[in-house]
Amino acid sequence: MSSVQIQCTRCKGVFRDRAGRLQDGYSRQCPSCEVVLFFAEDSQHPFVKRAMRDARKVRKEQREAEAVKRAAPEPQATQSRRFSGRTRSMERED
């Protein structure tokens, strides 16, 4: 999963966290100064706003890429390898 950069509100240090985690109600401790950052959609702090916006954007891009991947047909070689049973053309001779 992709990650986003987060800037600490106290020490201004930059660290990364996965975009899937960065949702409303998530909290994370800064690895440098150990202050706890709370992530909320209605936060007024610009660093938190930017991190939440970037995480939403990354999650949206991932969903769209997965939808395109699911909509694409499988290659012919992959489909033929999946079937390993005998065909009806081979009949037993008694």
PDB file of N, CA and C in Angstrom:
ATOM      1  N   MET A   1       0.852  -1.180   0.000  1.00  0.00           N
ATOM      2  CA  MET A   1       0.000   0.000   0.000  1.00  0.00           C
ATOM      3  C   MET A   1       0.897   1.241   0.000  1.00  0.00           C
ATOM      4  N   SER A   2       0.463   2.294  -0.633  1.00  0.00           N
ATOM      5  CA  SER A   2       1.243   3.520  -0.727  1.00  0.00           C
ATOM      6  C   SER A   2       1.200   4.292   0.579  1.00  0.00           C
ATOM      7  N   SER A   3       2.191   5.106   0.749  1.00  0.00           N
ATOM      8  CA  SER A   3       2.274   5.895   1.968  1.00  0.00           C
ATOM      9  C   SER A   3       2.268   7.383   1.631  1.00  0.00           C
ATOM     10  N   VAL A   4       2.010   8.192   2.652  1.00  0.00           N
ATOM     11  CA  VAL A   4       1.992   9.642   2.500  1.00  0.00           C
ATOM     12  C   VAL A   4       2.935  10.261   3.527  1.00  0.00           C
ATOM     13  N   GLN A   5       3.430  11.429   3.213  1.00  0.00           N
ATOM     14  CA  GLN A   5       4.308  12.147   4.126  1.00  0.00           C
ATOM     15  C   GLN A   5       3.468  12.938   5.116  1.00  0.00           C
ATOM     16  N   ILE A   6       3.909  12.934   6.367  1.00  0.00           N
ATOM     17  CA  ILE A   6       3.228  13.659   7.431  1.00  0.00           C
ATOM     18  C   ILE A   6       4.261  14.563   8.084  1.00  0.00           C
ATOM     19  N   GLN A   7       3.892  15.812   8.290  1.00  0.00           N
ATOM     20  CA  GLN A   7       4.781  16.742   8.975  1.00  0.00           C
ATOM     21  C   GLN A   7       4.247  16.942  10.391  1.00  0.00           C
ATOM     22  N   CYS A   8       5.117  16.776  11.369  1.00  0.00           N
ATOM     23  CA  CYS A   8       4.730  16.894  12.778  1.00  0.00           C
ATOM     24  C   CYS A   8       4.329  18.330  13.091  1.00  0.00           C
ATOM     25  N   THR A   9       3.292  18.466  13.884  1.00  0.00           N
ATOM     26  CA  THR A   9       2.799  19.797  14.247  1.00  0.00           C
ATOM     27  C   THR A   9       3.674  20.461  15.309  1.00  0.00           C
ATOM     28  N   ARG A  10       4.493  19.669  16.005  1.00  0.00           N
ATOM     29  CA  ARG A  10       5.321  20.225  17.073  1.00  0.00           C
ATOM     30  C   ARG A  10       6.768  20.460  16.619  1.00  0.00           C
ATOM     31  N   CYS A  11       7.456  19.396  16.161  1.00  0.00           N
ATOM     32  CA  CYS A  11       8.880  19.519  15.817  1.00  0.00           C
ATOM     33  C   CYS A  11       9.110  19.799  14.332  1.00  0.00           C
ATOM     34  N   LYS A  12       8.052  19.756  13.523  1.00  0.00           N
ATOM     35  CA  LYS A  12       8.101  19.991  12.075  1.00  0.00           C
ATOM     36  C   LYS A  12       8.880  18.915  11.322  1.00  0.00           C
ATOM     37  N   GLY A  13       9.161  17.795  11.988  1.00  0.00           N
ATOM     38  CA  GLY A  13       9.829  16.678  11.337  1.00  0.00           C
ATOM     39  C   GLY A  13       8.865  15.981  10.382  1.00  0.00           C
ATOM     40  N   VAL A  14       9.420  15.318   9.377  1.00  0.00           N
ATOM     41  CA  VAL A  14       8.606  14.649   8.363  1.00  0.00           C
ATOM     42  C   VAL A  14       8.804  13.141   8.488  1.00  0.00           C
ATOM     43  N   PHE A  15       7.702  12.399   8.481  1.00  0.00           N
ATOM     44  CA  PHE A  15       7.745  10.940   8.484  1.00  0.00           C
ATOM     45  C   PHE A  15       6.639  10.430   7.594  1.00  0.00           C
ATOM     46  N   ARG A  16       6.610   9.120   7.356  1.00  0.00           N
ATOM     47  CA  ARG A  16       5.638   8.531   6.439  1.00  0.00           C
ATOM     48  C   ARG A  16       4.738   7.546   7.179  1.00  0.00           C
ATOM     49  N   ASP A  17       3.517   7.404   6.677  1.00  0.00           N
ATOM     50  CA  ASP A  17       2.582   6.395   7.170  1.00  0.00           C
ATOM     51  C   ASP A  17       1.719   5.946   6.007  1.00  0.00           C
ATOM     52  N   ARG A  18       1.163   4.758   6.135  1.00  0.00           N
ATOM     53  CA  ARG A  18       0.347   4.215   5.041  1.00  0.00           C
ATOM     54  C   ARG A  18      -0.939   5.024   4.876  1.00  0.00           C
ATOM     55  N   ALA A  19      -1.332   5.200   3.624  1.00  0.00           N
ATOM     56  CA  ALA A  19      -2.519   5.999   3.308  1.00  0.00           C
ATOM     57  C   ALA A  19      -3.788   5.331   3.831  1.00  0.00           C
ATOM     58  N   GLY A  20      -3.818   4.025   3.880  1.00  0.00           N
ATOM     59  CA  GLY A  20      -4.994   3.318   4.379  1.00  0.00           C
ATOM     60  C   GLY A  20      -5.254   3.567   5.846  1.00  0.00           C
ATOM     61  N   ARG A  21      -4.219   3.838   6.607  1.00  0.00           N
ATOM     62  CA  ARG A  21      -4.381   4.102   8.039  1.00  0.00           C
ATOM     63  C   ARG A  21      -4.864   5.522   8.309  1.00  0.00           C
ATOM     64  N   LEU A  22      -4.462   6.465   7.486  1.00  0.00           N
ATOM     65  CA  LEU A  22      -4.732   7.875   7.732  1.00  0.00           C
ATOM     66  C   LEU A  22      -6.187   8.209   7.426  1.00  0.00           C
ATOM     67  N   GLN A  23      -7.059   7.919   8.376  1.00  0.00           N
ATOM     68  CA  GLN A  23      -8.475   8.220   8.234  1.00  0.00           C
ATOM     69  C   GLN A  23      -8.951   8.953   9.478  1.00  0.00           C
ATOM     70  N   ASP A  24     -10.165   9.430   9.430  1.00  0.00           N
ATOM     71  CA  ASP A  24     -10.739  10.185  10.535  1.00  0.00           C
ATOM     72  C   ASP A  24     -10.695   9.357  11.818  1.00  0.00           C
ATOM     73  N   GLY A  25     -10.110   9.929  12.885  1.00  0.00           N
ATOM     74  CA  GLY A  25     -10.028   9.247  14.165  1.00  0.00           C
ATOM     75  C   GLY A  25      -8.712   8.531  14.403  1.00  0.00           C
ATOM     76  N   TYR A  26      -7.827   8.502  13.431  1.00  0.00           N
ATOM     77  CA  TYR A  26      -6.539   7.819  13.576  1.00  0.00           C
ATOM     78  C   TYR A  26      -5.579   8.709  14.360  1.00  0.00           C
ATOM     79  N   SER A  27      -4.741   8.109  15.188  1.00  0.00           N
ATOM     80  CA  SER A  27      -3.716   8.864  15.907  1.00  0.00           C
ATOM     81  C   SER A  27      -2.384   8.161  15.722  1.00  0.00           C
ATOM     82  N   ARG A  28      -1.326   8.952  15.703  1.00  0.00           N
ATOM     83  CA  ARG A  28       0.016   8.418  15.465  1.00  0.00           C
ATOM     84  C   ARG A  28       1.006   9.244  16.257  1.00  0.00           C
ATOM     85  N   GLN A  29       2.013   8.575  16.804  1.00  0.00           N
ATOM     86  CA  GLN A  29       3.043   9.257  17.555  1.00  0.00           C
ATOM     87  C   GLN A  29       4.183   9.636  16.623  1.00  0.00           C
ATOM     88  N   CYS A  30       4.659  10.858  16.754  1.00  0.00           N
ATOM     89  CA  CYS A  30       5.785  11.324  15.949  1.00  0.00           C
ATOM     90  C   CYS A  30       7.030  10.546  16.376  1.00  0.00           C
ATOM     91  N   PRO A  31       7.781   9.991  15.430  1.00  0.00           N
ATOM     92  CA  PRO A  31       8.977   9.238  15.803  1.00  0.00           C
ATOM     93  C   PRO A  31      10.104  10.109  16.363  1.00  0.00           C
ATOM     94  N   SER A  32      10.072  11.409  16.114  1.00  0.00           N
ATOM     95  CA  SER A  32      11.142  12.296  16.595  1.00  0.00           C
ATOM     96  C   SER A  32      10.877  12.840  17.992  1.00  0.00           C
ATOM     97  N   CYS A  33       9.764  13.530  18.162  1.00  0.00           N
ATOM     98  CA  CYS A  33       9.490  14.198  19.439  1.00  0.00           C
ATOM     99  C   CYS A  33       8.461  13.454  20.291  1.00  0.00           C
ATOM    100  N   GLU A  34       7.860  12.386  19.748  1.00  0.00           N
ATOM    101  CA  GLU A  34       6.912  11.515  20.439  1.00  0.00           C
ATOM    102  C   GLU A  34       5.599  12.190  20.849  1.00  0.00           C
ATOM    103  N   VAL A  35       5.261  13.305  20.219  1.00  0.00           N
ATOM    104  CA  VAL A  35       3.952  13.903  20.454  1.00  0.00           C
ATOM    105  C   VAL A  35       2.917  13.072  19.685  1.00  0.00           C
ATOM    106  N   VAL A  36       1.716  12.946  20.221  1.00  0.00           N
ATOM    107  CA  VAL A  36       0.669  12.179  19.560  1.00  0.00           C
ATOM    108  C   VAL A  36      -0.113  13.112  18.640  1.00  0.00           C
ATOM    109  N   LEU A  37      -0.172  12.731  17.372  1.00  0.00           N
ATOM    110  CA  LEU A  37      -0.925  13.504  16.381  1.00  0.00           C
ATOM    111  C   LEU A  37      -2.272  12.835  16.166  1.00  0.00           C
ATOM    112  N   PHE A  38      -3.323  13.620  16.180  1.00  0.00           N
ATOM    113  CA  PHE A  38      -4.672  13.116  15.939  1.00  0.00           C
ATOM    114  C   PHE A  38      -5.127  13.599  14.568  1.00  0.00           C
ATOM    115  N   PHE A  39      -5.608  12.656  13.771  1.00  0.00           N
ATOM    116  CA  PHE A  39      -6.033  12.981  12.418  1.00  0.00           C
ATOM    117  C   PHE A  39      -7.553  12.995  12.353  1.00  0.00           C
ATOM    118  N   ALA A  40      -8.096  14.154  11.984  1.00  0.00           N
ATOM    119  CA  ALA A  40      -9.543  14.326  11.868  1.00  0.00           C
ATOM    120  C   ALA A  40      -9.829  15.115  10.596  1.00  0.00           C
ATOM    121  N   GLU A  41     -10.953  14.798   9.974  1.00  0.00           N
ATOM    122  CA  GLU A  41     -11.330  15.486   8.737  1.00  0.00           C
ATOM    123  C   GLU A  41     -11.544  16.980   8.950  1.00  0.00           C
ATOM    124  N   ASP A  42     -11.995  17.362  10.130  1.00  0.00           N
ATOM    125  CA  ASP A  42     -12.301  18.775  10.393  1.00  0.00           C
ATOM    126  C   ASP A  42     -11.163  19.498  11.117  1.00  0.00           C
ATOM    127  N   SER A  43      -9.950  18.962  11.063  1.00  0.00           N
ATOM    128  CA  SER A  43      -8.806  19.575  11.723  1.00  0.00           C
ATOM    129  C   SER A  43      -8.480  20.924  11.089  1.00  0.00           C
ATOM    130  N   GLN A  44      -8.058  21.864  11.919  1.00  0.00           N
ATOM    131  CA  GLN A  44      -7.712  23.192  11.419  1.00  0.00           C
ATOM    132  C   GLN A  44      -6.224  23.338  11.129  1.00  0.00           C
ATOM    133  N   HIS A  45      -5.420  22.362  11.559  1.00  0.00           N
ATOM    134  CA  HIS A  45      -3.977  22.470  11.352  1.00  0.00           C
ATOM    135  C   HIS A  45      -3.630  22.128   9.905  1.00  0.00           C
ATOM    136  N   PRO A  46      -2.854  22.971   9.233  1.00  0.00           N
ATOM    137  CA  PRO A  46      -2.561  22.741   7.815  1.00  0.00           C
ATOM    138  C   PRO A  46      -1.767  21.460   7.541  1.00  0.00           C
ATOM    139  N   PHE A  47      -0.903  21.032   8.470  1.00  0.00           N
ATOM    140  CA  PHE A  47      -0.131  19.803   8.254  1.00  0.00           C
ATOM    141  C   PHE A  47      -1.039  18.582   8.270  1.00  0.00           C
ATOM    142  N   VAL A  48      -2.009  18.585   9.181  1.00  0.00           N
ATOM    143  CA  VAL A  48      -2.956  17.470   9.270  1.00  0.00           C
ATOM    144  C   VAL A  48      -3.876  17.484   8.058  1.00  0.00           C
ATOM    145  N   LYS A  49      -4.333  18.665   7.667  1.00  0.00           N
ATOM    146  CA  LYS A  49      -5.198  18.786   6.482  1.00  0.00           C
ATOM    147  C   LYS A  49      -4.506  18.242   5.240  1.00  0.00           C
ATOM    148  N   ARG A  50      -3.230  18.604   5.060  1.00  0.00           N
ATOM    149  CA  ARG A  50      -2.483  18.168   3.885  1.00  0.00           C
ATOM    150  C   ARG A  50      -2.313  16.649   3.888  1.00  0.00           C
ATOM    151  N   ALA A  51      -1.990  16.080   5.044  1.00  0.00           N
ATOM    152  CA  ALA A  51      -1.804  14.627   5.132  1.00  0.00           C
ATOM    153  C   ALA A  51      -3.107  13.896   4.837  1.00  0.00           C
ATOM    154  N   MET A  52      -4.223  14.383   5.367  1.00  0.00           N
ATOM    155  CA  MET A  52      -5.523  13.750   5.127  1.00  0.00           C
ATOM    156  C   MET A  52      -5.909  13.856   3.650  1.00  0.00           C
ATOM    157  N   ARG A  53      -5.666  15.008   3.041  1.00  0.00           N
ATOM    158  CA  ARG A  53      -5.981  15.205   1.623  1.00  0.00           C
ATOM    159  C   ARG A  53      -5.149  14.275   0.753  1.00  0.00           C
ATOM    160  N   ASP A  54      -3.850  14.185   1.048  1.00  0.00           N
ATOM    161  CA  ASP A  54      -2.969  13.306   0.277  1.00  0.00           C
ATOM    162  C   ASP A  54      -3.375  11.844   0.429  1.00  0.00           C
ATOM    163  N   ALA A  55      -3.757  11.440   1.638  1.00  0.00           N
ATOM    164  CA  ALA A  55      -4.168  10.049   1.872  1.00  0.00           C
ATOM    165  C   ALA A  55      -5.446   9.725   1.103  1.00  0.00           C
ATOM    166  N   ARG A  56      -6.408  10.649   1.090  1.00  0.00           N
ATOM    167  CA  ARG A  56      -7.637  10.438   0.312  1.00  0.00           C
ATOM    168  C   ARG A  56      -7.322  10.275  -1.160  1.00  0.00           C
ATOM    169  N   LYS A  57      -6.425  11.103  -1.663  1.00  0.00           N
ATOM    170  CA  LYS A  57      -6.049  11.053  -3.074  1.00  0.00           C
ATOM    171  C   LYS A  57      -5.391   9.712  -3.418  1.00  0.00           C
ATOM    172  N   VAL A  58      -4.483   9.246  -2.569  1.00  0.00           N
ATOM    173  CA  VAL A  58      -3.792   7.978  -2.817  1.00  0.00           C
ATOM    174  C   VAL A  58      -4.778   6.815  -2.768  1.00  0.00           C
ATOM    175  N   ARG A  59      -5.691   6.812  -1.789  1.00  0.00           N
ATOM    176  CA  ARG A  59      -6.683   5.733  -1.694  1.00  0.00           C
ATOM    177  C   ARG A  59      -7.591   5.720  -2.916  1.00  0.00           C
ATOM    178  N   LYS A  60      -7.981   6.896  -3.403  1.00  0.00           N
ATOM    179  CA  LYS A  60      -8.826   6.972  -4.591  1.00  0.00           C
ATOM    180  C   LYS A  60      -8.104   6.425  -5.816  1.00  0.00           C
ATOM    181  N   GLU A  61      -6.833   6.784  -5.980  1.00  0.00           N
ATOM    182  CA  GLU A  61      -6.052   6.284  -7.116  1.00  0.00           C
ATOM    183  C   GLU A  61      -5.902   4.765  -7.053  1.00  0.00           C
ATOM    184  N   GLN A  62      -5.723   4.224  -5.851  1.00  0.00           N
ATOM    185  CA  GLN A  62      -5.601   2.779  -5.706  1.00  0.00           C
ATOM    186  C   GLN A  62      -6.911   2.072  -6.052  1.00  0.00           C
ATOM    187  N   ARG A  63      -8.037   2.635  -5.611  1.00  0.00           N
ATOM    188  CA  ARG A  63      -9.341   2.036  -5.948  1.00  0.00           C
ATOM    189  C   ARG A  63      -9.562   2.039  -7.448  1.00  0.00           C
ATOM    190  N   GLU A  64      -9.227   3.149  -8.116  1.00  0.00           N
ATOM    191  CA  GLU A  64      -9.398   3.232  -9.563  1.00  0.00           C
ATOM    192  C   GLU A  64      -8.493   2.244 -10.285  1.00  0.00           C
ATOM    193  N   ALA A  65      -7.263   2.082  -9.820  1.00  0.00           N
ATOM    194  CA  ALA A  65      -6.346   1.130 -10.448  1.00  0.00           C
ATOM    195  C   ALA A  65      -6.846  -0.302 -10.276  1.00  0.00           C
ATOM    196  N   GLU A  66      -7.407  -0.621  -9.114  1.00  0.00           N
ATOM    197  CA  GLU A  66      -7.953  -1.960  -8.889  1.00  0.00           C
ATOM    198  C   GLU A  66      -9.175  -2.211  -9.767  1.00  0.00           C
ATOM    199  N   ALA A  67     -10.015  -1.186  -9.955  1.00  0.00           N
ATOM    200  CA  ALA A  67     -11.192  -1.337 -10.802  1.00  0.00           C
ATOM    201  C   ALA A  67     -10.785  -1.592 -12.257  1.00  0.00           C
ATOM    202  N   VAL A  68      -9.777  -0.893 -12.724  1.00  0.00           N
ATOM    203  CA  VAL A  68      -9.292  -1.101 -14.090  1.00  0.00           C
ATOM    204  C   VAL A  68      -8.697  -2.500 -14.216  1.00  0.00           C
ATOM    205  N   LYS A  69      -7.977  -2.923 -13.199  1.00  0.00           N
ATOM    206  CA  LYS A  69      -7.356  -4.249 -13.220  1.00  0.00           C
ATOM    207  C   LYS A  69      -8.413  -5.354 -13.259  1.00  0.00           C
ATOM    208  N   ARG A  70      -9.496  -5.180 -12.500  1.00  0.00           N
ATOM    209  CA  ARG A  70     -10.582  -6.166 -12.496  1.00  0.00           C
ATOM    210  C   ARG A  70     -11.357  -6.165 -13.807  1.00  0.00           C
ATOM    211  N   ALA A  71     -11.487  -5.015 -14.429  1.00  0.00           N
ATOM    212  CA  ALA A  71     -12.267  -4.910 -15.666  1.00  0.00           C
ATOM    213  C   ALA A  71     -11.506  -5.458 -16.872  1.00  0.00           C
ATOM    214  N   ALA A  72     -10.201  -5.499 -16.802  1.00  0.00           N
ATOM    215  CA  ALA A  72      -9.401  -5.991 -17.934  1.00  0.00           C
ATOM    216  C   ALA A  72      -9.560  -7.505 -18.060  1.00  0.00           C
ATOM    217  N   PRO A  73      -9.752  -7.999 -19.280  1.00  0.00           N
ATOM    218  CA  PRO A  73      -9.887  -9.455 -19.459  1.00  0.00           C
ATOM    219  C   PRO A  73      -8.562 -10.155 -19.196  1.00  0.00           C
ATOM    220  N   GLU A  74      -8.653 -11.406 -18.760  1.00  0.00           N
ATOM    221  CA  GLU A  74      -7.445 -12.188 -18.507  1.00  0.00           C
ATOM    222  C   GLU A  74      -6.796 -12.566 -19.832  1.00  0.00           C
ATOM    223  N   PRO A  75      -5.487 -12.649 -19.868  1.00  0.00           N
ATOM    224  CA  PRO A  75      -4.813 -13.095 -21.091  1.00  0.00           C
ATOM    225  C   PRO A  75      -5.175 -14.540 -21.408  1.00  0.00           C
ATOM    226  N   GLN A  76      -5.161 -14.891 -22.679  1.00  0.00           N
ATOM    227  CA  GLN A  76      -5.563 -16.230 -23.125  1.00  0.00           C
ATOM    228  C   GLN A  76      -4.692 -17.314 -22.518  1.00  0.00           C
ATOM    229  N   ALA A  77      -3.396 -17.092 -22.376  1.00  0.00           N
ATOM    230  CA  ALA A  77      -2.482 -18.105 -21.849  1.00  0.00           C
ATOM    231  C   ALA A  77      -2.840 -18.455 -20.408  1.00  0.00           C
ATOM    232  N   THR A  78      -3.241 -17.507 -19.626  1.00  0.00           N
ATOM    233  CA  THR A  78      -3.592 -17.755 -18.226  1.00  0.00           C
ATOM    234  C   THR A  78      -4.856 -18.596 -18.136  1.00  0.00           C
ATOM    235  N   GLN A  79      -5.824 -18.341 -18.996  1.00  0.00           N
ATOM    236  CA  GLN A  79      -7.067 -19.091 -18.952  1.00  0.00           C
ATOM    237  C   GLN A  79      -6.849 -20.547 -19.335  1.00  0.00           C
ATOM    238  N   SER A  80      -5.994 -20.818 -20.323  1.00  0.00           N
ATOM    239  CA  SER A  80      -5.808 -22.196 -20.766  1.00  0.00           C
ATOM    240  C   SER A  80      -5.032 -23.020 -19.737  1.00  0.00           C
ATOM    241  N   ARG A  81      -4.151 -22.411 -18.974  1.00  0.00           N
ATOM    242  CA  ARG A  81      -3.399 -23.137 -17.966  1.00  0.00           C
ATOM    243  C   ARG A  81      -4.256 -23.539 -16.785  1.00  0.00           C
ATOM    244  N   ARG A  82      -5.318 -22.822 -16.571  1.00  0.00           N
ATOM    245  CA  ARG A  82      -6.168 -23.086 -15.427  1.00  0.00           C
ATOM    246  C   ARG A  82      -6.885 -24.431 -15.560  1.00  0.00           C
ATOM    247  N   PHE A  83      -7.230 -24.856 -16.765  1.00  0.00           N
ATOM    248  CA  PHE A  83      -7.950 -26.107 -16.987  1.00  0.00           C
ATOM    249  C   PHE A  83      -6.938 -27.221 -17.178  1.00  0.00           C
ATOM    250  N   SER A  84      -6.956 -28.197 -16.286  1.00  0.00           N
ATOM    251  CA  SER A  84      -5.973 -29.273 -16.393  1.00  0.00           C
ATOM    252  C   SER A  84      -6.624 -30.639 -16.603  1.00  0.00           C
ATOM    253  N   GLY A  85      -7.945 -30.684 -16.756  1.00  0.00           N
ATOM    254  CA  GLY A  85      -8.630 -31.961 -16.934  1.00  0.00           C
ATOM    255  C   GLY A  85      -8.570 -32.444 -18.379  1.00  0.00           C
ATOM    256  N   ARG A  86      -9.066 -33.637 -18.612  1.00  0.00           N
ATOM    257  CA  ARG A  86      -9.077 -34.196 -19.965  1.00  0.00           C
ATOM    258  C   ARG A  86     -10.220 -33.603 -20.771  1.00  0.00           C
ATOM    259  N   THR A  87     -10.043 -33.589 -22.046  1.00  0.00           N
ATOM    260  CA  THR A  87     -11.102 -33.087 -22.916  1.00  0.00           C
ATOM    261  C   THR A  87     -11.982 -34.256 -23.364  1.00  0.00           C
ATOM    262  N   ARG A  88     -13.148 -33.950 -23.900  1.00  0.00           N
ATOM    263  CA  ARG A  88     -14.079 -34.987 -24.332  1.00  0.00           C
ATOM    264  C   ARG A  88     -13.629 -35.671 -25.614  1.00  0.00           C
ATOM    265  N   SER A  89     -12.716 -35.068 -26.324  1.00  0.00           N
ATOM    266  CA  SER A  89     -12.275 -35.665 -27.581  1.00  0.00           C
ATOM    267  C   SER A  89     -11.472 -36.952 -27.364  1.00  0.00           C
ATOM    268  N   MET A  90     -10.953 -37.122 -26.189  1.00  0.00           N
ATOM    269  CA  MET A  90     -10.205 -38.343 -25.898  1.00  0.00           C
ATOM    270  C   MET A  90     -11.164 -39.366 -25.287  1.00  0.00           C
ATOM    271  N   GLU A  91     -11.675 -40.268 -26.100  1.00  0.00           N
ATOM    272  CA  GLU A  91     -12.620 -41.283 -25.608  1.00  0.00           C
ATOM    273  C   GLU A  91     -11.895 -42.586 -25.389  1.00  0.00           C
ATOM    274  N   ARG A  92     -12.413 -43.358 -24.459  1.00  0.00           N
ATOM    275  CA  ARG A  92     -11.808 -44.660 -24.170  1.00  0.00           C
ATOM    276  C   ARG A  92     -12.138 -45.651 -25.275  1.00  0.00           C
ATOM    277  N   GLU A  93     -11.170 -46.448 -25.662  1.00  0.00           N
ATOM    278  CA  GLU A  93     -11.409 -47.498 -26.653  1.00  0.00           C
ATOM    279  C   GLU A  93     -11.478 -48.827 -25.935  1.00  0.00           C
ATOM    280  N   ASP A  94     -12.621 -49.508 -25.941  1.00  0.00           N
ATOM    281  CA  ASP A  94     -12.798 -50.813 -25.275  1.00  0.00           C
ATOM    282  C   ASP A  94     -12.852 -51.941 -26.232  1.00  0.00           C
TER     283      ASP A  94
END
